[in-house]
């Protein structure tokens, strides 16, 4: 009987008028036939819980390929993941992040329930949109809470898109906008190819020259750090580490306060389009020679990589010299 009851349940979801008759004729099937809106609200709750309380990678199984890339972008919003990272791999460090951001789990359940209960759902056939109306989860880069419409706008889950599969389950179907989108990957490839073989010289007083080479034995590039003799040896000479380009990210500061960060508040940083208005690829360069992570905004203009960094003292453009890495 189970296959037959499951079949009737799907018919009840897909065809409203016939579904009414099936509810009358087969009440046991109707019990398992969640309405499209309630089913979507249930799936939304599972996703938000996975992202903000349990850090469960099973959320990846309830997402389309584009949705998985969007999940990676959400999880990795402060430090984008290197190329080759899977959705499950991106979730690996989320539990520690949630724990370190303090107080998150103790209040998660009630806030998740409130967010999901008040979400505005729009279902059209097998496609749907979920729009949050309450969101008190977002903080700015200074750790101050952002609430109301401003929080919903800054939360990557403020508006989410869904598609219903053949079994009637709602699957997360957001489109990634940064490095995990096709345009983001294209921008990252163009920038990486232009940077290979080049050097980047950091600002005084700790002047370090990084040479960007490609290790053909692996899919990961390496960076060689060569500090001058006049500065403290924070890096052993020739020490290497991974580097990668994240297309469409700009000045993203590693998080302070609770997830998700309201990047862009006060102009401190935001996710950019992978190509600017003139069609130049742009993104950010990430390097991690132990024990630090460094990041610069990069843009490819006329075949030349332009790098920028900013802090309280203003904007600095480190010198990028093509072909000087000696790779």
Protein backbone atom coordinates (compact mmCIF):
# COMPACT_ATOMS: atom_id res chain seq x y z
CA UNK A 1 0.00 0.00 0.00
CA UNK A 2 2.80 2.48 0.67
CA UNK A 3 3.73 3.16 -2.97
CA UNK A 4 0.10 3.78 -3.83
CA UNK A 5 -0.43 6.14 -0.91
CA UNK A 6 2.73 8.05 -1.83
CA UNK A 7 1.44 8.44 -5.39
CA UNK A 8 -1.86 9.85 -4.20
CA UNK A 9 -0.03 12.23 -1.90
CA UNK A 10 1.88 13.69 -4.85
CA UNK A 11 -1.29 14.12 -6.86
CA UNK A 12 -2.84 15.95 -3.93
CA UNK A 13 0.09 18.40 -3.93
CA UNK A 14 0.21 18.90 -7.68
CA UNK A 15 -3.48 19.32 -8.58
CA UNK A 16 -5.59 21.32 -6.16
CA UNK A 17 -9.04 20.31 -7.35
CA UNK A 18 -8.20 16.62 -7.61
CA UNK A 19 -6.43 16.87 -4.27
CA UNK A 20 -9.72 17.80 -2.57
CA UNK A 21 -11.29 14.61 -3.81
CA UNK A 22 -8.30 12.55 -2.74
CA UNK A 23 -8.44 14.00 0.77
CA UNK A 24 -12.01 12.66 0.96
CA UNK A 25 -11.29 9.28 -0.56
CA UNK A 26 -7.91 8.58 1.02
CA UNK A 27 -7.53 10.40 4.33
CA UNK A 28 -4.39 8.43 5.27
CA UNK A 29 -2.67 9.76 2.15
CA UNK A 30 -3.76 13.30 2.98
CA UNK A 31 -1.90 13.15 6.29
CA UNK A 32 1.40 12.84 4.42
CA UNK A 33 0.50 15.42 1.77
CA UNK A 34 1.78 18.69 3.21
CA UNK A 35 0.47 21.78 1.43
CA UNK A 36 3.02 23.51 -0.82
CA UNK A 37 3.30 26.50 1.53
CA UNK A 38 3.67 24.44 4.71
CA UNK A 39 6.17 22.15 3.02
CA UNK A 40 8.21 25.16 1.93
CA UNK A 41 8.10 26.64 5.44
CA UNK A 42 9.33 23.32 6.81
CA UNK A 43 12.23 23.22 4.33
CA UNK A 44 13.10 26.84 5.08
CA UNK A 45 13.23 26.00 8.79
CA UNK A 46 15.55 23.07 8.15
CA UNK A 47 17.90 25.25 6.10
CA UNK A 48 18.04 28.12 8.59
CA UNK A 49 18.58 25.66 11.45
CA UNK A 50 21.46 24.00 9.59
CA UNK A 51 23.11 27.33 8.86
CA UNK A 52 22.64 28.92 12.26
CA UNK A 53 22.39 26.24 14.88
CA UNK A 54 23.44 22.72 13.91
CA UNK A 55 25.99 23.46 11.13
CA UNK A 56 24.67 20.33 9.43
CA UNK A 57 26.06 19.60 5.94
CA UNK A 58 22.86 17.68 5.17
CA UNK A 59 21.56 21.05 3.96
CA UNK A 60 23.69 20.44 0.87
CA UNK A 61 21.53 17.42 0.01
CA UNK A 62 18.43 19.64 -0.08
CA UNK A 63 19.85 22.10 -2.61
CA UNK A 64 20.28 22.21 -6.38
CA UNK A 65 23.87 22.55 -7.70
CA UNK A 66 23.37 26.33 -7.87
CA UNK A 67 21.86 26.25 -4.39
CA UNK A 68 24.87 24.34 -3.06
CA UNK A 69 27.17 27.01 -4.50
CA UNK A 70 25.02 29.68 -2.85
CA UNK A 71 25.26 27.82 0.48
CA UNK A 72 29.05 27.78 0.15
CA UNK A 73 28.95 31.51 -0.43
CA UNK A 74 26.79 32.07 2.66
CA UNK A 75 28.96 29.86 4.88
CA UNK A 76 32.19 31.38 3.57
CA UNK A 77 31.10 35.01 3.41
CA UNK A 78 33.96 36.40 5.49
CA UNK A 79 36.72 34.15 4.10
CA UNK A 80 35.78 32.64 0.72
CA UNK A 81 36.71 28.99 0.26
CA UNK A 82 39.53 28.05 -2.12
CA UNK A 83 38.70 26.50 -5.50
CA UNK A 84 37.79 22.83 -5.27
CA UNK A 85 35.96 23.15 -1.94
CA UNK A 86 32.70 21.18 -1.82
CA UNK A 87 29.47 22.25 -0.15
CA UNK A 88 30.00 19.67 2.59
CA UNK A 89 33.59 20.85 2.98
CA UNK A 90 32.47 24.46 3.38
CA UNK A 91 30.22 23.39 6.28
CA UNK A 92 33.11 21.65 8.05
CA UNK A 93 34.25 24.73 9.93
CA UNK A 94 30.83 26.28 10.50
CA UNK A 95 30.16 24.53 13.82
CA UNK A 96 33.32 25.97 15.35
CA UNK A 97 32.45 29.40 13.96
CA UNK A 98 28.98 29.36 15.47
CA UNK A 99 30.37 28.21 18.81
CA UNK A 100 33.06 30.90 18.87
CA UNK A 101 30.61 33.67 18.09
CA UNK A 102 29.08 33.18 21.50
CA UNK A 103 25.50 32.98 22.71
CA UNK A 104 24.37 31.79 19.30
CA UNK A 105 23.02 28.37 20.19
CA UNK A 106 21.26 29.43 23.38
CA UNK A 107 18.85 31.71 21.57
CA UNK A 108 18.87 30.03 18.17
CA UNK A 109 15.72 27.93 18.44
CA UNK A 110 13.24 30.68 19.37
CA UNK A 111 14.69 33.13 16.83
CA UNK A 112 14.69 30.55 14.07
CA UNK A 113 11.09 29.65 14.83
CA UNK A 114 10.10 33.32 14.74
CA UNK A 115 11.93 33.97 11.47
CA UNK A 116 10.41 30.94 9.77
CA UNK A 117 6.90 31.50 11.16
CA UNK A 118 6.75 35.10 9.92
CA UNK A 119 8.42 34.50 6.53
CA UNK A 120 6.36 35.57 3.52
CA UNK A 121 6.03 32.71 1.03
CA UNK A 122 5.09 32.97 -2.63
CA UNK A 123 4.42 29.69 -4.43
CA UNK A 124 3.87 29.51 -8.20
CA UNK A 125 3.62 25.95 -9.44
CA UNK A 126 6.90 24.19 -8.68
CA UNK A 127 8.82 27.40 -7.95
CA UNK A 128 8.69 29.55 -4.85
CA UNK A 129 10.25 32.49 -3.06
CA UNK A 130 10.65 32.84 0.71
CA UNK A 131 11.08 36.38 2.02
CA UNK A 132 12.01 36.98 5.65
CA UNK A 133 10.09 39.73 7.42
CA UNK A 134 11.84 39.46 10.80
CA UNK A 135 15.55 38.96 11.27
CA UNK A 136 17.42 39.94 14.42
CA UNK A 137 20.46 37.81 13.62
CA UNK A 138 22.61 40.28 11.72
CA UNK A 139 25.35 42.40 13.24
CA UNK A 140 27.58 44.97 11.59
CA UNK A 141 31.36 44.73 11.51
CA UNK A 142 31.56 46.53 14.85
CA UNK A 143 29.38 43.90 16.53
CA UNK A 144 26.29 46.12 16.79
CA UNK A 145 22.97 44.47 16.03
CA UNK A 146 21.13 45.42 12.84
CA UNK A 147 17.37 44.81 13.00
CA UNK A 148 14.20 45.16 10.97
CA UNK A 149 14.17 45.70 7.22
CA UNK A 150 17.88 46.57 7.21
CA UNK A 151 18.76 43.18 8.70
CA UNK A 152 16.56 41.31 6.23
CA UNK A 153 18.19 43.17 3.34
CA UNK A 154 21.70 42.35 4.55
CA UNK A 155 21.02 38.70 5.36
CA UNK A 156 21.80 36.45 2.36
CA UNK A 157 18.69 34.45 3.33
CA UNK A 158 16.54 37.61 3.30
CA UNK A 159 15.09 36.38 0.00
CA UNK A 160 15.63 32.77 -1.00
CA UNK A 161 14.45 30.79 -4.04
CA UNK A 162 13.19 27.24 -4.13
CA UNK A 163 12.17 24.54 -6.61
CA UNK A 164 9.98 21.49 -5.95
CA UNK A 165 11.32 18.11 -7.07
CA UNK A 166 9.39 15.07 -8.27
CA UNK A 167 8.91 13.77 -4.75
CA UNK A 168 7.28 17.05 -3.75
CA UNK A 169 10.23 18.24 -1.61
CA UNK A 170 11.31 21.85 -1.77
CA UNK A 171 14.96 22.25 -2.79
CA UNK A 172 17.02 25.41 -2.15
CA UNK A 173 17.76 26.99 -5.54
CA UNK A 174 19.50 30.33 -4.95
CA UNK A 175 21.99 31.56 -7.51
CA UNK A 176 25.50 32.37 -6.24
CA UNK A 177 26.77 35.86 -7.00
CA UNK A 178 30.48 35.78 -6.19
CA UNK A 179 33.26 33.26 -6.75
CA UNK A 180 30.88 30.32 -6.91
CA UNK A 181 28.91 31.67 -9.87
CA UNK A 182 30.01 31.07 -13.47
CA UNK A 183 30.89 34.76 -13.91
CA UNK A 184 32.74 34.77 -10.58
CA UNK A 185 34.78 31.74 -11.59
CA UNK A 186 35.57 33.33 -14.95
CA UNK A 187 36.75 36.54 -13.28
CA UNK A 188 38.86 34.54 -10.81
CA UNK A 189 40.48 32.56 -13.63
CA UNK A 190 41.39 35.69 -15.58
CA UNK A 191 42.86 37.34 -12.49
CA UNK A 192 44.77 34.21 -11.42
CA UNK A 193 46.31 33.72 -14.85
CA UNK A 194 47.38 37.38 -14.96
CA UNK A 195 48.90 37.22 -11.47
CA UNK A 196 50.93 34.01 -11.92
CA UNK A 197 54.62 34.78 -12.14
CA UNK A 198 54.18 38.21 -10.59
CA UNK A 199 55.28 39.60 -7.25
CA UNK A 200 53.41 41.78 -4.77
CA UNK A 201 55.25 44.06 -2.33
CA UNK A 202 53.43 44.91 0.92
CA UNK A 203 53.40 48.27 2.64
CA UNK A 204 56.02 49.51 5.12
CA UNK A 205 57.11 48.98 7.82
CA UNK A 206 56.74 45.22 7.31
CA UNK A 207 57.70 45.01 3.66
CA UNK A 208 57.27 41.50 2.31
CA UNK A 209 57.49 40.42 -1.31
CA UNK A 210 55.17 37.60 -2.30
CA UNK A 211 55.92 35.70 -5.49
CA UNK A 212 52.92 33.97 -7.05
CA UNK A 213 53.82 30.70 -8.74
CA UNK A 214 51.81 27.73 -9.95
CA UNK A 215 52.60 24.29 -8.60
CA UNK A 216 51.89 22.02 -11.55
CA UNK A 217 51.87 18.91 -9.33
CA UNK A 218 48.67 19.98 -7.59
CA UNK A 219 45.63 22.12 -8.22
CA UNK A 220 46.82 24.59 -5.59
CA UNK A 221 49.08 27.53 -6.27
CA UNK A 222 51.80 28.50 -3.83
CA UNK A 223 53.17 31.82 -2.64
CA UNK A 224 56.78 32.44 -1.68
CA UNK A 225 57.37 35.03 1.06
CA UNK A 226 60.76 36.76 0.95
CA UNK A 227 61.17 39.44 3.63
CA UNK A 228 64.07 41.89 3.30
CA UNK A 229 66.91 41.68 5.80
CA UNK A 230 66.04 45.07 7.29
CA UNK A 231 62.76 43.87 8.82
CA UNK A 232 62.00 41.21 11.43
CA UNK A 233 61.76 37.73 9.93
CA UNK A 234 58.05 37.17 10.45
CA UNK A 235 58.28 34.69 7.58
CA UNK A 236 61.14 32.26 7.04
CA UNK A 237 62.74 33.13 3.71
CA UNK A 238 61.13 31.22 0.88
CA UNK A 239 58.26 29.93 3.00
CA UNK A 240 55.29 29.00 0.84
CA UNK A 241 51.56 28.87 1.32
CA UNK A 242 48.35 28.63 -0.69
CA UNK A 243 46.84 31.54 -2.57
CA UNK A 244 43.69 31.96 -4.60
CA UNK A 245 41.46 34.59 -6.17
CA UNK A 246 37.82 34.98 -5.10
CA UNK A 247 35.94 36.65 -7.94
CA UNK A 248 33.42 39.27 -6.89
CA UNK A 249 34.59 39.82 -3.31
CA UNK A 250 35.88 43.13 -2.05
CA UNK A 251 37.50 44.05 1.27
CA UNK A 252 35.66 41.38 3.24
CA UNK A 253 36.84 41.56 6.82
CA UNK A 254 37.01 38.34 8.88
CA UNK A 255 33.97 38.35 11.14
CA UNK A 256 33.47 39.95 14.49
CA UNK A 257 30.19 39.42 16.30
CA UNK A 258 27.51 37.01 15.21
CA UNK A 259 26.83 35.35 11.89
CA UNK A 260 25.90 36.62 9.37
CA UNK A 261 27.99 39.76 9.12
CA UNK A 262 26.37 42.85 7.63
CA UNK A 263 29.22 43.50 5.24
CA UNK A 264 28.91 46.85 3.58
CA UNK A 265 27.80 48.69 6.72
CA UNK A 266 29.68 51.99 6.87
CA UNK A 267 31.41 51.21 3.58
CA UNK A 268 33.79 48.76 5.27
CA UNK A 269 33.38 46.08 2.66
CA UNK A 270 30.89 44.32 0.42
CA UNK A 271 30.46 41.67 -2.19
CA UNK A 272 30.98 43.17 -5.63
CA UNK A 273 30.05 42.03 -9.11
CA UNK A 274 32.78 39.81 -10.62
CA UNK A 275 33.15 42.35 -13.47
CA UNK A 276 32.96 46.13 -13.11
CA UNK A 277 30.95 48.46 -15.37
CA UNK A 278 33.82 48.55 -17.87
CA UNK A 279 34.04 44.74 -18.04
CA UNK A 280 37.23 44.46 -15.96
CA UNK A 281 37.40 41.31 -13.77
CA UNK A 282 37.64 42.07 -10.08
CA UNK A 283 37.78 40.19 -6.81
CA UNK A 284 40.10 39.60 -3.90
CA UNK A 285 43.43 37.87 -3.52
CA UNK A 286 43.81 35.60 -0.48
CA UNK A 287 47.12 34.22 0.73
CA UNK A 288 47.79 32.21 3.87
CA UNK A 289 51.46 31.70 4.66
CA UNK A 290 51.33 30.54 8.29
CA UNK A 291 50.46 32.02 10.70
CA UNK A 292 48.34 34.67 8.96
CA UNK A 293 45.79 35.32 6.25
CA UNK A 294 46.24 38.39 4.07
CA UNK A 295 43.82 39.81 1.52
CA UNK A 296 43.86 42.49 -1.16
CA UNK A 297 41.28 43.75 -3.60
CA UNK A 298 42.47 43.07 -7.14
CA UNK A 299 41.33 44.19 -10.57
CA UNK A 300 42.65 43.40 -14.05
CA UNK A 301 42.84 46.54 -16.23
CA UNK A 302 44.50 46.44 -19.63
CA UNK A 303 46.32 43.22 -18.80
CA UNK A 304 47.76 44.63 -15.56
CA UNK A 305 46.76 43.52 -12.07
CA UNK A 306 45.99 46.44 -9.75
CA UNK A 307 45.94 45.61 -6.03
CA UNK A 308 44.50 47.71 -3.23
CA UNK A 309 44.15 47.42 0.52
CA UNK A 310 42.62 49.77 3.06
CA UNK A 311 42.73 50.40 6.78
CA UNK A 312 42.22 53.31 9.14
CA UNK A 313 45.11 55.12 7.48
CA UNK A 314 43.53 55.09 4.04
CA UNK A 315 44.05 53.17 0.80
CA UNK A 316 47.36 51.63 -0.21
CA UNK A 317 48.24 50.09 -3.58
CA UNK A 318 51.03 47.51 -3.23
CA UNK A 319 53.35 47.20 -6.20
CA UNK A 320 52.51 44.27 -8.47
CA UNK A 321 55.39 43.44 -10.84
CA UNK A 322 54.67 41.05 -13.66
CA UNK A 323 57.16 38.28 -14.40
CA UNK A 324 59.36 39.03 -11.37
CA UNK A 325 58.56 35.92 -9.32
CA UNK A 326 61.20 33.76 -10.99
CA UNK A 327 58.84 30.81 -11.23
